[in-house]
Amino acid sequence: MNSQEVAGFWNHHMSHAHSNYRELMCILLALKSFRTELVGKHVQILSDNVTDCAMTNKLRGASQDLSDLAQTLWTEAYE
């Protein structure tokens, strides 16, 4: 965000999670990392992953884990 970056490494469990799950988790972690800067602002998420965009917009995914994570994203955005 602007010139700020966040980065990290997945633990063993997350490194074996489905790639769509990891990508959605990245979006969630970025929202959490910049929470104070984003309060009261509209956020546009740009992703080259069409599946992530669809899951984020429709609040559901191909599995219950992905659906739960998409819903958590929206919850986090409105807290």
Protein backbone atom coordinates (compact mmCIF):
# COMPACT_ATOMS: atom_id res chain seq x y z
CA MET A 1 0.00 0.00 0.00
CA ASN A 2 1.63 3.17 -1.22
CA SER A 3 5.28 2.40 -0.45
CA GLN A 4 4.52 -0.01 2.42
CA GLU A 5 4.84 -3.74 1.87
CA VAL A 6 4.05 -6.83 3.87
CA ALA A 7 5.65 -10.20 3.33
CA GLY A 8 6.11 -13.51 5.03
CA PHE A 9 6.39 -17.24 4.66
CA TRP A 10 3.75 -19.95 4.93
CA ASN A 11 4.07 -22.51 7.67
CA HIS A 12 4.18 -26.19 6.68
CA HIS A 13 0.39 -26.60 6.89
CA MET A 14 -0.39 -23.50 4.79
CA SER A 15 2.30 -24.31 2.23
CA HIS A 16 0.29 -27.44 1.37
CA ALA A 17 -3.09 -25.67 1.23
CA HIS A 18 -4.83 -25.15 -2.12
CA SER A 19 -3.39 -22.21 -4.09
CA ASN A 20 -6.76 -20.42 -4.18
CA TYR A 21 -6.96 -20.69 -0.39
CA ARG A 22 -3.45 -19.23 -0.01
CA GLU A 23 -4.24 -16.38 -2.39
CA LEU A 24 -7.45 -15.48 -0.55
CA MET A 25 -5.52 -15.68 2.71
CA CYS A 26 -2.99 -13.19 1.30
CA ILE A 27 -5.81 -10.73 0.65
CA LEU A 28 -7.15 -11.22 4.18
CA LEU A 29 -3.71 -10.79 5.77
CA ALA A 30 -3.09 -7.63 3.71
CA LEU A 31 -6.41 -6.18 4.92
CA LYS A 32 -5.45 -6.99 8.50
CA SER A 33 -1.95 -5.55 8.08
CA PHE A 34 -3.24 -2.21 6.80
CA ARG A 35 -6.41 -2.11 8.91
CA THR A 36 -5.69 1.25 10.56
CA GLU A 37 -4.91 2.93 7.23
CA LEU A 38 -8.06 1.51 5.61
CA VAL A 39 -10.66 2.53 8.19
CA GLY A 40 -13.49 4.42 6.49
CA LYS A 41 -12.08 3.88 3.00
CA HIS A 42 -13.23 1.87 0.01
CA VAL A 43 -10.82 -0.87 -0.98
CA GLN A 44 -10.46 -2.30 -4.45
CA ILE A 45 -8.78 -5.68 -4.56
CA LEU A 46 -6.90 -6.31 -7.78
CA SER A 47 -5.97 -9.92 -8.41
CA ASP A 48 -4.89 -11.82 -11.48
CA ASN A 49 -6.72 -14.85 -10.08
CA VAL A 50 -10.22 -14.91 -11.56
CA THR A 51 -11.32 -17.51 -9.01
CA ASP A 52 -10.30 -15.28 -6.09
CA CYS A 53 -12.24 -12.36 -7.55
CA ALA A 54 -15.35 -14.48 -8.06
CA MET A 55 -15.18 -15.98 -4.57
CA THR A 56 -14.64 -12.59 -2.96
CA ASN A 57 -17.57 -11.04 -4.83
CA LYS A 58 -19.99 -13.96 -4.43
CA LEU A 59 -18.93 -14.97 -0.88
CA ARG A 60 -18.63 -18.61 -1.83
CA GLY A 61 -16.09 -20.99 -3.23
CA ALA A 62 -15.74 -24.53 -4.49
CA SER A 63 -15.24 -25.85 -0.96
CA GLN A 64 -16.54 -24.91 2.46
CA ASP A 65 -13.04 -23.74 3.49
CA LEU A 66 -12.92 -21.32 0.56
CA SER A 67 -16.46 -20.09 1.24
CA ASP A 68 -15.65 -19.53 4.91
CA LEU A 69 -12.50 -17.61 4.02
CA ALA A 70 -14.35 -15.42 1.50
CA GLN A 71 -16.94 -14.60 4.16
CA THR A 72 -14.18 -13.83 6.67
CA LEU A 73 -12.73 -11.39 4.15
CA TRP A 74 -15.99 -9.46 4.02
CA THR A 75 -16.35 -9.57 7.81
CA GLU A 76 -12.83 -8.20 8.22
CA ALA A 77 -13.55 -5.46 5.70
CA TYR A 78 -16.55 -4.21 7.67
CA GLU A 79 -15.09 -4.34 11.18
